Amino acid sequence: MSKRAVLEVIALGVEDAVAAQAGGADRLELVADMAADGLTPPVGTFAGIRAAVDIDLRVMLRLADGFAVGDVERVVRAVREMRDAGAEEFVLGFLDAAGGVDIGAVERVVGELDGCRWTFHRAIDRAADRDALRKQLDGMPGLDTYLTAGSGAGVDDGLSTLLAEAARGGEPGYEQRILVGGGRWFNDVPELVGAGIHLFYFVGAVRPQGWGGPV
């Protein structure tokens, strides 16, 4: 029996979340401010969505545009507020000025997650060396997914990287699932599924009115 694809959708509020679940989403990523490519939402937004749907929710931990952590203690405070509100899954990813993983920042934030599952987001597609990043994060508690297009330019450019990384599943640094997102990947689904990738990430494709309208 073939494994069913799992669909993750960005939600900005309760209306999005309810529509996404009704449309078949398996998991939501909760963000605010898509003009900045998605920042940490208010705690009240998380609480409202959690009360409205029963699918898994992953909360973005990102306080400013870009991939630098900024004030790591502010991120830690955001984690504590979300955990107190009942959040159990997260999304994060921090790079240093040279394009390497900011391992100190990641360790500091993950240390507050208390074993919660989390995704390393598309910062990997902007990393100077994605293989090195994966190996540095190998064994990090709770890390179970990489959100990636295989390239900063999108799946059209990164397909070969995605297929190559899927083929390395089980190697140190490659045990995590690949969540494909970034650019238009729909035509590549059969090849991706054939390579063992079953997680797909919807951003604008589920919003016919753009970011000004709901899912």
N, C-alpha and C. Protein backbone atom coordinates (compact mmCIF):
# COMPACT_ATOMS: atom_id res chain seq x y z
N MET A 1 0.85 -1.19 0.00
CA MET A 1 0.00 0.00 0.00
C MET A 1 0.88 1.24 0.00
N SER A 2 0.58 2.22 -0.86
CA SER A 2 1.38 3.43 -0.92
C SER A 2 1.05 4.33 0.27
N LYS A 3 2.02 5.07 0.70
CA LYS A 3 1.86 5.97 1.83
C LYS A 3 1.15 7.23 1.38
N ARG A 4 0.17 7.71 2.17
CA ARG A 4 -0.60 8.88 1.80
C ARG A 4 0.21 10.14 2.01
N ALA A 5 0.04 11.10 1.09
CA ALA A 5 0.71 12.38 1.24
C ALA A 5 0.13 13.13 2.44
N VAL A 6 0.98 13.88 3.13
CA VAL A 6 0.58 14.71 4.27
C VAL A 6 0.70 16.17 3.85
N LEU A 7 -0.35 16.94 4.09
CA LEU A 7 -0.41 18.33 3.64
C LEU A 7 -0.36 19.28 4.82
N GLU A 8 0.55 20.25 4.76
CA GLU A 8 0.66 21.29 5.77
C GLU A 8 0.32 22.63 5.13
N VAL A 9 -0.44 23.44 5.83
CA VAL A 9 -0.93 24.73 5.30
C VAL A 9 -0.61 25.84 6.29
N ILE A 10 -0.20 26.99 5.78
CA ILE A 10 -0.01 28.16 6.63
C ILE A 10 -1.37 28.72 7.04
N ALA A 11 -1.52 29.04 8.31
CA ALA A 11 -2.73 29.68 8.82
C ALA A 11 -2.36 30.96 9.56
N LEU A 12 -3.08 32.03 9.24
CA LEU A 12 -2.86 33.31 9.91
C LEU A 12 -3.88 33.57 11.02
N GLY A 13 -4.98 32.83 11.00
CA GLY A 13 -6.02 33.04 11.99
C GLY A 13 -7.01 31.89 11.98
N VAL A 14 -8.07 32.04 12.77
CA VAL A 14 -9.05 30.97 12.95
C VAL A 14 -9.75 30.63 11.63
N GLU A 15 -10.12 31.65 10.84
CA GLU A 15 -10.82 31.38 9.58
C GLU A 15 -9.97 30.51 8.66
N ASP A 16 -8.69 30.84 8.56
CA ASP A 16 -7.77 30.01 7.77
C ASP A 16 -7.73 28.58 8.28
N ALA A 17 -7.60 28.46 9.59
CA ALA A 17 -7.41 27.14 10.19
C ALA A 17 -8.63 26.24 9.95
N VAL A 18 -9.81 26.79 10.14
CA VAL A 18 -11.04 26.02 9.96
C VAL A 18 -11.19 25.60 8.50
N ALA A 19 -10.92 26.52 7.57
CA ALA A 19 -11.03 26.20 6.15
C ALA A 19 -9.99 25.16 5.74
N ALA A 20 -8.77 25.29 6.26
CA ALA A 20 -7.71 24.35 5.91
C ALA A 20 -8.04 22.95 6.39
N GLN A 21 -8.52 22.84 7.63
CA GLN A 21 -8.88 21.51 8.12
C GLN A 21 -10.03 20.93 7.31
N ALA A 22 -11.03 21.75 6.99
CA ALA A 22 -12.17 21.27 6.20
C ALA A 22 -11.72 20.82 4.81
N GLY A 23 -10.67 21.45 4.29
CA GLY A 23 -10.18 21.12 2.96
C GLY A 23 -9.23 19.94 2.93
N GLY A 24 -8.89 19.40 4.08
CA GLY A 24 -8.07 18.20 4.10
C GLY A 24 -6.66 18.38 4.62
N ALA A 25 -6.32 19.56 5.15
CA ALA A 25 -4.98 19.75 5.71
C ALA A 25 -4.77 18.81 6.90
N ASP A 26 -3.54 18.30 6.99
CA ASP A 26 -3.19 17.41 8.10
C ASP A 26 -2.52 18.16 9.24
N ARG A 27 -1.89 19.29 8.91
CA ARG A 27 -1.16 20.06 9.91
C ARG A 27 -1.12 21.51 9.48
N LEU A 28 -1.07 22.41 10.45
CA LEU A 28 -1.00 23.84 10.17
C LEU A 28 0.30 24.41 10.70
N GLU A 29 0.85 25.38 9.97
CA GLU A 29 1.92 26.21 10.49
C GLU A 29 1.33 27.57 10.80
N LEU A 30 1.45 28.01 12.04
CA LEU A 30 0.85 29.27 12.46
C LEU A 30 1.88 30.38 12.41
N VAL A 31 1.56 31.44 11.67
CA VAL A 31 2.47 32.57 11.52
C VAL A 31 1.67 33.86 11.54
N ALA A 32 2.40 34.96 11.60
CA ALA A 32 1.84 36.30 11.40
C ALA A 32 2.75 37.03 10.41
N ASP A 33 2.23 38.08 9.80
CA ASP A 33 3.01 39.00 8.97
C ASP A 33 3.75 38.31 7.83
N MET A 34 2.99 37.92 6.83
CA MET A 34 3.62 37.27 5.68
C MET A 34 4.43 38.25 4.84
N ALA A 35 4.27 39.54 5.04
CA ALA A 35 5.14 40.51 4.36
C ALA A 35 6.59 40.31 4.79
N ALA A 36 6.78 39.73 5.98
CA ALA A 36 8.12 39.41 6.49
C ALA A 36 8.38 37.91 6.40
N ASP A 37 7.64 37.23 5.53
CA ASP A 37 7.79 35.78 5.30
C ASP A 37 7.44 34.93 6.52
N GLY A 38 6.61 35.48 7.42
CA GLY A 38 6.09 34.67 8.51
C GLY A 38 6.83 34.85 9.82
N LEU A 39 6.16 35.48 10.78
CA LEU A 39 6.73 35.70 12.11
C LEU A 39 5.89 35.00 13.16
N THR A 40 6.37 35.00 14.40
CA THR A 40 5.65 34.38 15.50
C THR A 40 4.30 35.07 15.69
N PRO A 41 3.21 34.31 15.72
CA PRO A 41 1.90 34.92 15.91
C PRO A 41 1.66 35.27 17.38
N PRO A 42 0.67 36.12 17.66
CA PRO A 42 0.30 36.38 19.05
C PRO A 42 -0.19 35.11 19.73
N VAL A 43 0.00 35.05 21.03
CA VAL A 43 -0.46 33.88 21.79
C VAL A 43 -1.96 33.70 21.64
N GLY A 44 -2.69 34.81 21.60
CA GLY A 44 -4.15 34.72 21.46
C GLY A 44 -4.57 34.08 20.15
N THR A 45 -3.80 34.32 19.09
CA THR A 45 -4.09 33.68 17.81
C THR A 45 -3.92 32.18 17.91
N PHE A 46 -2.82 31.76 18.53
CA PHE A 46 -2.62 30.32 18.74
C PHE A 46 -3.78 29.74 19.53
N ALA A 47 -4.15 30.38 20.63
CA ALA A 47 -5.20 29.84 21.49
C ALA A 47 -6.52 29.72 20.75
N GLY A 48 -6.86 30.72 19.94
CA GLY A 48 -8.10 30.67 19.18
C GLY A 48 -8.11 29.55 18.17
N ILE A 49 -6.98 29.37 17.48
CA ILE A 49 -6.89 28.30 16.49
C ILE A 49 -6.92 26.94 17.18
N ARG A 50 -6.22 26.81 18.29
CA ARG A 50 -6.20 25.53 19.00
C ARG A 50 -7.60 25.13 19.43
N ALA A 51 -8.41 26.11 19.80
CA ALA A 51 -9.78 25.82 20.23
C ALA A 51 -10.69 25.48 19.05
N ALA A 52 -10.30 25.92 17.84
CA ALA A 52 -11.18 25.78 16.68
C ALA A 52 -10.95 24.53 15.85
N VAL A 53 -9.74 23.96 15.91
CA VAL A 53 -9.41 22.79 15.09
C VAL A 53 -8.71 21.74 15.95
N ASP A 54 -8.71 20.51 15.44
CA ASP A 54 -8.09 19.44 16.22
C ASP A 54 -6.92 18.78 15.50
N ILE A 55 -6.40 19.41 14.43
CA ILE A 55 -5.22 18.88 13.75
C ILE A 55 -3.97 19.47 14.40
N ASP A 56 -2.82 18.93 14.04
CA ASP A 56 -1.56 19.38 14.63
C ASP A 56 -1.24 20.82 14.22
N LEU A 57 -0.67 21.57 15.14
CA LEU A 57 -0.28 22.96 14.91
C LEU A 57 1.20 23.13 15.20
N ARG A 58 1.92 23.75 14.28
CA ARG A 58 3.32 24.10 14.53
C ARG A 58 3.44 25.62 14.51
N VAL A 59 3.99 26.18 15.57
CA VAL A 59 4.05 27.62 15.75
C VAL A 59 5.43 28.15 15.34
N MET A 60 5.43 29.16 14.47
CA MET A 60 6.68 29.77 14.03
C MET A 60 7.35 30.52 15.18
N LEU A 61 8.68 30.33 15.31
CA LEU A 61 9.49 31.08 16.26
C LEU A 61 10.46 31.93 15.46
N ARG A 62 10.04 33.15 15.16
CA ARG A 62 10.82 34.06 14.32
C ARG A 62 10.29 35.45 14.55
N LEU A 63 11.13 36.34 15.05
CA LEU A 63 10.65 37.65 15.50
C LEU A 63 10.90 38.78 14.51
N ALA A 64 11.72 38.54 13.47
CA ALA A 64 12.01 39.58 12.49
C ALA A 64 12.35 38.93 11.16
N ASP A 65 12.19 39.68 10.08
CA ASP A 65 12.53 39.19 8.76
C ASP A 65 14.00 38.77 8.71
N GLY A 66 14.31 37.78 7.90
CA GLY A 66 15.67 37.27 7.81
C GLY A 66 15.86 36.04 8.66
N PHE A 67 17.07 35.53 8.71
CA PHE A 67 17.32 34.27 9.39
C PHE A 67 18.23 34.40 10.62
N ALA A 68 18.59 35.63 10.99
CA ALA A 68 19.33 35.85 12.24
C ALA A 68 18.36 35.75 13.41
N VAL A 69 18.83 35.24 14.53
CA VAL A 69 17.94 35.05 15.68
C VAL A 69 17.52 36.38 16.29
N GLY A 70 18.37 37.42 16.18
CA GLY A 70 18.07 38.67 16.87
C GLY A 70 18.30 38.49 18.36
N ASP A 71 17.34 38.93 19.16
CA ASP A 71 17.43 38.80 20.61
C ASP A 71 16.94 37.42 21.01
N VAL A 72 17.86 36.50 21.28
CA VAL A 72 17.47 35.12 21.55
C VAL A 72 16.62 35.01 22.80
N GLU A 73 16.82 35.91 23.76
CA GLU A 73 16.02 35.83 24.98
C GLU A 73 14.57 36.22 24.72
N ARG A 74 14.32 37.07 23.74
CA ARG A 74 12.93 37.36 23.34
C ARG A 74 12.29 36.13 22.71
N VAL A 75 13.06 35.39 21.93
CA VAL A 75 12.54 34.15 21.36
C VAL A 75 12.22 33.16 22.47
N VAL A 76 13.10 33.06 23.45
CA VAL A 76 12.86 32.16 24.58
C VAL A 76 11.58 32.55 25.32
N ARG A 77 11.37 33.85 25.50
CA ARG A 77 10.13 34.29 26.17
C ARG A 77 8.91 33.91 25.34
N ALA A 78 9.02 34.02 24.02
CA ALA A 78 7.91 33.63 23.15
C ALA A 78 7.62 32.13 23.30
N VAL A 79 8.68 31.33 23.38
CA VAL A 79 8.49 29.88 23.58
C VAL A 79 7.73 29.63 24.87
N ARG A 80 8.15 30.26 25.94
CA ARG A 80 7.52 30.03 27.24
C ARG A 80 6.05 30.42 27.21
N GLU A 81 5.73 31.54 26.56
CA GLU A 81 4.33 31.98 26.47
C GLU A 81 3.50 30.98 25.67
N MET A 82 4.06 30.50 24.57
CA MET A 82 3.34 29.54 23.75
C MET A 82 3.18 28.20 24.46
N ARG A 83 4.22 27.76 25.15
CA ARG A 83 4.12 26.50 25.90
C ARG A 83 3.07 26.63 27.00
N ASP A 84 3.04 27.77 27.68
CA ASP A 84 2.04 27.98 28.73
C ASP A 84 0.62 27.95 28.17
N ALA A 85 0.49 28.35 26.89
CA ALA A 85 -0.83 28.36 26.24
C ALA A 85 -1.18 27.00 25.65
N GLY A 86 -0.24 26.05 25.70
CA GLY A 86 -0.53 24.70 25.25
C GLY A 86 0.13 24.29 23.95
N ALA A 87 0.98 25.14 23.37
CA ALA A 87 1.66 24.77 22.13
C ALA A 87 2.61 23.61 22.36
N GLU A 88 2.63 22.66 21.41
CA GLU A 88 3.44 21.46 21.56
C GLU A 88 4.34 21.18 20.36
N GLU A 89 4.23 21.98 19.29
CA GLU A 89 5.06 21.80 18.11
C GLU A 89 5.46 23.16 17.57
N PHE A 90 6.66 23.24 16.98
CA PHE A 90 7.22 24.54 16.60
C PHE A 90 7.97 24.47 15.28
N VAL A 91 8.30 25.66 14.76
CA VAL A 91 9.09 25.83 13.54
C VAL A 91 10.14 26.89 13.84
N LEU A 92 11.41 26.62 13.50
CA LEU A 92 12.46 27.59 13.75
C LEU A 92 13.65 27.31 12.86
N GLY A 93 14.60 28.23 12.85
CA GLY A 93 15.84 28.05 12.09
C GLY A 93 16.64 29.33 12.06
N PHE A 94 17.85 29.29 12.56
CA PHE A 94 18.67 30.50 12.67
C PHE A 94 20.03 30.29 12.03
N LEU A 95 20.45 31.28 11.23
CA LEU A 95 21.76 31.26 10.59
C LEU A 95 22.62 32.38 11.14
N ASP A 96 23.94 32.19 11.08
CA ASP A 96 24.84 33.27 11.47
C ASP A 96 25.20 34.10 10.23
N ALA A 97 26.03 35.09 10.41
CA ALA A 97 26.34 36.03 9.33
C ALA A 97 27.06 35.36 8.17
N ALA A 98 27.71 34.23 8.41
CA ALA A 98 28.44 33.53 7.37
C ALA A 98 27.58 32.49 6.65
N GLY A 99 26.31 32.37 7.05
CA GLY A 99 25.43 31.40 6.42
C GLY A 99 25.48 30.02 7.04
N GLY A 100 26.17 29.89 8.15
CA GLY A 100 26.17 28.63 8.88
C GLY A 100 25.03 28.60 9.89
N VAL A 101 24.69 27.41 10.38
CA VAL A 101 23.67 27.35 11.41
C VAL A 101 24.19 28.05 12.67
N ASP A 102 23.32 28.86 13.28
CA ASP A 102 23.66 29.51 14.55
C ASP A 102 23.36 28.49 15.65
N ILE A 103 24.30 27.61 15.87
CA ILE A 103 24.06 26.47 16.74
C ILE A 103 23.79 26.90 18.17
N GLY A 104 24.44 27.97 18.62
CA GLY A 104 24.18 28.45 19.98
C GLY A 104 22.75 28.90 20.16
N ALA A 105 22.23 29.65 19.18
CA ALA A 105 20.85 30.12 19.26
C ALA A 105 19.87 28.96 19.18
N VAL A 106 20.13 28.03 18.26
CA VAL A 106 19.23 26.88 18.15
C VAL A 106 19.21 26.07 19.44
N GLU A 107 20.37 25.82 20.01
CA GLU A 107 20.43 25.05 21.25
C GLU A 107 19.72 25.77 22.39
N ARG A 108 19.87 27.10 22.44
CA ARG A 108 19.22 27.87 23.51
C ARG A 108 17.70 27.77 23.40
N VAL A 109 17.18 27.90 22.18
CA VAL A 109 15.73 27.85 21.99
C VAL A 109 15.21 26.43 22.17
N VAL A 110 15.88 25.45 21.58
CA VAL A 110 15.43 24.07 21.69
C VAL A 110 15.47 23.60 23.14
N GLY A 111 16.40 24.14 23.91
CA GLY A 111 16.45 23.80 25.33
C GLY A 111 15.19 24.18 26.08
N GLU A 112 14.44 25.16 25.56
CA GLU A 112 13.19 25.58 26.18
C GLU A 112 11.99 24.78 25.69
N LEU A 113 12.18 23.99 24.64
CA LEU A 113 11.04 23.27 24.05
C LEU A 113 10.67 22.01 24.82
N ASP A 114 11.57 21.56 25.69
CA ASP A 114 11.27 20.41 26.56
C ASP A 114 10.87 19.18 25.75
N GLY A 115 11.60 18.95 24.65
CA GLY A 115 11.34 17.75 23.86
C GLY A 115 10.26 17.87 22.82
N CYS A 116 9.64 19.05 22.68
CA CYS A 116 8.60 19.23 21.67
C CYS A 116 9.17 18.98 20.27
N ARG A 117 8.33 18.49 19.38
CA ARG A 117 8.74 18.27 17.99
C ARG A 117 8.83 19.61 17.26
N TRP A 118 9.78 19.70 16.33
CA TRP A 118 9.92 20.96 15.61
C TRP A 118 10.51 20.74 14.22
N THR A 119 10.25 21.73 13.37
CA THR A 119 10.74 21.77 11.99
C THR A 119 11.83 22.82 11.88
N PHE A 120 12.93 22.48 11.20
CA PHE A 120 13.90 23.50 10.79
C PHE A 120 13.44 24.01 9.43
N HIS A 121 13.14 25.31 9.36
CA HIS A 121 12.48 25.84 8.17
C HIS A 121 13.46 26.16 7.04
N ARG A 122 13.00 26.96 6.08
CA ARG A 122 13.75 27.14 4.83
C ARG A 122 15.04 27.94 4.98
N ALA A 123 15.44 28.26 6.18
CA ALA A 123 16.80 28.78 6.38
C ALA A 123 17.82 27.80 5.80
N ILE A 124 17.50 26.51 5.78
CA ILE A 124 18.43 25.54 5.20
C ILE A 124 18.71 25.85 3.74
N ASP A 125 17.71 26.43 3.04
CA ASP A 125 17.90 26.74 1.62
C ASP A 125 18.77 27.97 1.40
N ARG A 126 19.07 28.68 2.48
CA ARG A 126 19.96 29.85 2.40
C ARG A 126 21.30 29.58 3.07
N ALA A 127 21.49 28.36 3.53
CA ALA A 127 22.72 28.02 4.24
C ALA A 127 23.90 27.93 3.27
N ALA A 128 25.08 28.27 3.75
CA ALA A 128 26.29 28.16 2.93
C ALA A 128 26.61 26.71 2.60
N ASP A 129 26.27 25.80 3.52
CA ASP A 129 26.56 24.38 3.32
C ASP A 129 25.46 23.58 4.02
N ARG A 130 24.48 23.14 3.26
CA ARG A 130 23.33 22.48 3.87
C ARG A 130 23.69 21.12 4.46
N ASP A 131 24.65 20.42 3.88
CA ASP A 131 25.08 19.15 4.45
C ASP A 131 25.72 19.37 5.82
N ALA A 132 26.56 20.40 5.93
CA ALA A 132 27.18 20.71 7.22
C ALA A 132 26.12 21.10 8.24
N LEU A 133 25.12 21.87 7.81
CA LEU A 133 24.05 22.27 8.72
C LEU A 133 23.32 21.05 9.25
N ARG A 134 22.96 20.13 8.37
CA ARG A 134 22.26 18.93 8.81
C ARG A 134 23.10 18.14 9.82
N LYS A 135 24.37 18.02 9.55
CA LYS A 135 25.22 17.23 10.45
C LYS A 135 25.42 17.92 11.78
N GLN A 136 25.47 19.26 11.79
CA GLN A 136 25.58 19.98 13.06
C GLN A 136 24.32 19.80 13.91
N LEU A 137 23.18 19.68 13.25
CA LEU A 137 21.92 19.54 13.96
C LEU A 137 21.57 18.09 14.27
N ASP A 138 22.38 17.16 13.80
CA ASP A 138 22.11 15.74 14.03
C ASP A 138 22.00 15.46 15.53
N GLY A 139 20.92 14.81 15.90
CA GLY A 139 20.70 14.47 17.30
C GLY A 139 20.04 15.55 18.12
N MET A 140 19.69 16.69 17.51
CA MET A 140 19.05 17.77 18.24
C MET A 140 17.67 17.31 18.72
N PRO A 141 17.38 17.43 20.02
CA PRO A 141 16.11 16.92 20.54
C PRO A 141 14.91 17.53 19.83
N GLY A 142 13.99 16.67 19.42
CA GLY A 142 12.72 17.10 18.85
C GLY A 142 12.72 17.39 17.36
N LEU A 143 13.89 17.56 16.75
CA LEU A 143 13.94 17.89 15.32
C LEU A 143 13.49 16.69 14.50
N ASP A 144 12.36 16.84 13.79
CA ASP A 144 11.86 15.71 13.00
C ASP A 144 11.60 16.04 11.54
N THR A 145 11.76 17.33 11.14
CA THR A 145 11.39 17.73 9.79
C THR A 145 12.27 18.86 9.31
N TYR A 146 12.60 18.85 8.01
CA TYR A 146 13.20 20.00 7.34
C TYR A 146 12.22 20.50 6.29
N LEU A 147 11.82 21.76 6.41
CA LEU A 147 11.03 22.42 5.37
C LEU A 147 12.01 22.98 4.35
N THR A 148 11.94 22.50 3.11
CA THR A 148 12.95 22.88 2.13
C THR A 148 12.42 22.76 0.71
N ALA A 149 12.94 23.63 -0.15
CA ALA A 149 12.70 23.53 -1.59
C ALA A 149 13.92 22.93 -2.29
N GLY A 150 14.96 22.66 -1.51
CA GLY A 150 16.21 22.19 -2.10
C GLY A 150 17.09 23.31 -2.62
N SER A 151 16.52 24.53 -2.67
CA SER A 151 17.23 25.71 -3.19
C SER A 151 16.49 26.95 -2.74
N GLY A 152 17.23 28.04 -2.57
CA GLY A 152 16.60 29.30 -2.25
C GLY A 152 15.71 29.81 -3.36
N ALA A 153 15.91 29.30 -4.57
CA ALA A 153 15.13 29.74 -5.73
C ALA A 153 13.85 28.93 -5.91
N GLY A 154 13.63 27.89 -5.13
CA GLY A 154 12.42 27.10 -5.24
C GLY A 154 12.66 25.69 -5.74
N VAL A 155 11.59 24.90 -5.76
CA VAL A 155 11.70 23.49 -6.10
C VAL A 155 12.15 23.28 -7.54
N ASP A 156 11.76 24.16 -8.45
CA ASP A 156 12.21 24.00 -9.84
C ASP A 156 13.73 23.89 -9.91
N ASP A 157 14.40 24.67 -9.09
CA ASP A 157 15.86 24.68 -9.07
C ASP A 157 16.43 23.62 -8.13
N GLY A 158 15.65 23.25 -7.11
CA GLY A 158 16.18 22.38 -6.06
C GLY A 158 15.74 20.93 -6.10
N LEU A 159 15.01 20.53 -7.16
CA LEU A 159 14.47 19.18 -7.20
C LEU A 159 15.55 18.13 -7.05
N SER A 160 16.65 18.28 -7.76
CA SER A 160 17.71 17.26 -7.70
C SER A 160 18.28 17.15 -6.29
N THR A 161 18.38 18.28 -5.58
CA THR A 161 18.86 18.25 -4.20
C THR A 161 17.89 17.51 -3.30
N LEU A 162 16.59 17.77 -3.46
CA LEU A 162 15.58 17.07 -2.67
C LEU A 162 15.66 15.56 -2.89
N LEU A 163 15.78 15.16 -4.12
CA LEU A 163 15.84 13.72 -4.42
C LEU A 163 17.11 13.09 -3.85
N ALA A 164 18.22 13.83 -3.94
CA ALA A 164 19.48 13.31 -3.41
C ALA A 164 19.42 13.19 -1.89
N GLU A 165 18.83 14.17 -1.22
CA GLU A 165 18.74 14.11 0.23
C GLU A 165 17.78 13.01 0.68
N ALA A 166 16.69 12.82 -0.06
CA ALA A 166 15.77 11.74 0.28
C ALA A 166 16.46 10.39 0.18
N ALA A 167 17.35 10.26 -0.79
CA ALA A 167 18.06 8.99 -0.97
C ALA A 167 19.04 8.71 0.16
N ARG A 168 19.38 9.73 0.94
CA ARG A 168 20.32 9.57 2.05
C ARG A 168 19.61 9.33 3.37
N GLY A 169 18.30 9.16 3.34
CA GLY A 169 17.54 8.95 4.57
C GLY A 169 18.13 7.85 5.41
N GLY A 170 18.29 8.12 6.70
CA GLY A 170 18.89 7.15 7.61
C GLY A 170 20.34 7.44 7.93
N GLU A 171 21.02 8.21 7.06
CA GLU A 171 22.39 8.62 7.38
C GLU A 171 22.35 9.67 8.49
N PRO A 172 23.45 9.84 9.24
CA PRO A 172 23.49 10.91 10.24
C PRO A 172 23.18 12.27 9.62
N GLY A 173 22.21 12.95 10.19
CA GLY A 173 21.80 14.25 9.68
C GLY A 173 20.68 14.19 8.66
N TYR A 174 20.30 12.98 8.25
CA TYR A 174 19.29 12.82 7.19
C TYR A 174 18.12 11.95 7.63
N GLU A 175 17.99 11.72 8.93
CA GLU A 175 16.88 10.90 9.42
C GLU A 175 15.56 11.64 9.40
N GLN A 176 15.59 12.96 9.40
CA GLN A 176 14.37 13.74 9.49
C GLN A 176 13.58 13.69 8.18
N ARG A 177 12.27 13.90 8.29
CA ARG A 177 11.42 13.95 7.11
C ARG A 177 11.66 15.24 6.33
N ILE A 178 11.44 15.18 5.03
CA ILE A 178 11.50 16.35 4.17
C ILE A 178 10.08 16.83 3.92
N LEU A 179 9.83 18.10 4.24
CA LEU A 179 8.57 18.78 3.96
C LEU A 179 8.84 19.71 2.78
N VAL A 180 8.28 19.41 1.62
CA VAL A 180 8.59 20.16 0.41
C VAL A 180 7.75 21.43 0.34
N GLY A 181 8.43 22.57 0.26
CA GLY A 181 7.74 23.85 0.13
C GLY A 181 8.66 24.88 -0.46
N GLY A 182 8.09 25.78 -1.26
CA GLY A 182 8.88 26.83 -1.89
C GLY A 182 8.82 26.72 -3.40
N GLY A 183 8.04 27.60 -4.02
CA GLY A 183 7.85 27.48 -5.46
C GLY A 183 6.75 26.49 -5.79
N ARG A 184 6.59 26.20 -7.04
CA ARG A 184 5.51 25.31 -7.49
C ARG A 184 6.07 23.90 -7.68
N TRP A 185 5.61 23.00 -6.81
CA TRP A 185 6.11 21.64 -6.81
C TRP A 185 5.09 20.63 -7.31
N PHE A 186 3.88 21.11 -7.71
CA PHE A 186 2.78 20.19 -8.00
C PHE A 186 3.13 19.18 -9.10
N ASN A 187 3.79 19.62 -10.15
CA ASN A 187 4.11 18.70 -11.24
C ASN A 187 5.16 17.67 -10.86
N ASP A 188 5.88 17.95 -9.75
CA ASP A 188 6.95 17.05 -9.32
C ASP A 188 6.49 16.04 -8.29
N VAL A 189 5.21 16.08 -7.91
CA VAL A 189 4.74 15.20 -6.84
C VAL A 189 5.01 13.72 -7.12
N PRO A 190 4.69 13.20 -8.32
CA PRO A 190 4.95 11.77 -8.52
C PRO A 190 6.42 11.39 -8.30
N GLU A 191 7.34 12.22 -8.78
CA GLU A 191 8.77 11.91 -8.61
C GLU A 191 9.18 12.02 -7.15
N LEU A 192 8.65 13.02 -6.46
CA LEU A 192 8.98 13.20 -5.05
C LEU A 192 8.43 12.05 -4.21
N VAL A 193 7.18 11.67 -4.47
CA VAL A 193 6.59 10.55 -3.73
C VAL A 193 7.35 9.26 -4.03
N GLY A 194 7.74 9.08 -5.28
CA GLY A 194 8.52 7.90 -5.64
C GLY A 194 9.85 7.83 -4.92
N ALA A 195 10.37 9.01 -4.53
CA ALA A 195 11.63 9.07 -3.79
C ALA A 195 11.43 8.91 -2.28
N GLY A 196 10.17 8.76 -1.87
CA GLY A 196 9.88 8.57 -0.45
C GLY A 196 9.51 9.83 0.30
N ILE A 197 9.25 10.93 -0.41
CA ILE A 197 8.84 12.19 0.21
C ILE A 197 7.32 12.27 0.18
N HIS A 198 6.71 12.50 1.35
CA HIS A 198 5.26 12.48 1.44
C HIS A 198 4.69 13.71 2.16
N LEU A 199 5.51 14.69 2.47
CA LEU A 199 5.03 15.89 3.16
C LEU A 199 5.12 17.08 2.20
N PHE A 200 4.02 17.82 2.08
CA PHE A 200 3.95 18.94 1.14
C PHE A 200 3.32 20.16 1.83
N TYR A 201 3.85 21.31 1.47
CA TYR A 201 3.61 22.55 2.22
C TYR A 201 2.94 23.58 1.31
N PHE A 202 1.72 24.00 1.67
CA PHE A 202 0.97 24.97 0.89
C PHE A 202 1.12 26.37 1.49
N VAL A 203 1.49 27.31 0.65
CA VAL A 203 1.60 28.71 1.09
C VAL A 203 0.52 29.51 0.37
N GLY A 204 0.80 30.07 -0.78
CA GLY A 204 -0.17 30.90 -1.48
C GLY A 204 -1.15 30.14 -2.34
N ALA A 205 -0.86 28.87 -2.67
CA ALA A 205 -1.70 28.12 -3.60
C ALA A 205 -3.11 27.89 -3.08
N VAL A 206 -3.31 27.97 -1.77
CA VAL A 206 -4.64 27.73 -1.20
C VAL A 206 -5.37 29.04 -0.94
N ARG A 207 -4.84 30.15 -1.48
CA ARG A 207 -5.44 31.47 -1.24
C ARG A 207 -5.75 32.14 -2.58
N PRO A 208 -6.93 31.87 -3.15
CA PRO A 208 -7.26 32.43 -4.46
C PRO A 208 -7.30 33.96 -4.47
N GLN A 209 -7.53 34.59 -3.30
CA GLN A 209 -7.56 36.05 -3.22
C GLN A 209 -6.23 36.64 -2.75
N GLY A 210 -5.19 35.82 -2.68
CA GLY A 210 -3.92 36.31 -2.17
C GLY A 210 -3.93 36.40 -0.66
N TRP A 211 -2.88 37.01 -0.11
CA TRP A 211 -2.76 37.07 1.36
C TRP A 211 -3.79 37.96 2.02
N GLY A 212 -4.51 38.76 1.21
CA GLY A 212 -5.58 39.58 1.77
C GLY A 212 -6.85 38.81 2.01
N GLY A 213 -6.94 37.57 1.51
CA GLY A 213 -8.12 36.75 1.69
C GLY A 213 -7.79 35.47 2.42
N PRO A 214 -8.82 34.73 2.84
CA PRO A 214 -8.60 33.52 3.64
C PRO A 214 -8.24 32.31 2.78
N VAL A 215 -7.84 31.24 3.46
CA VAL A 215 -7.67 29.93 2.82
C VAL A 215 -9.00 29.51 2.24
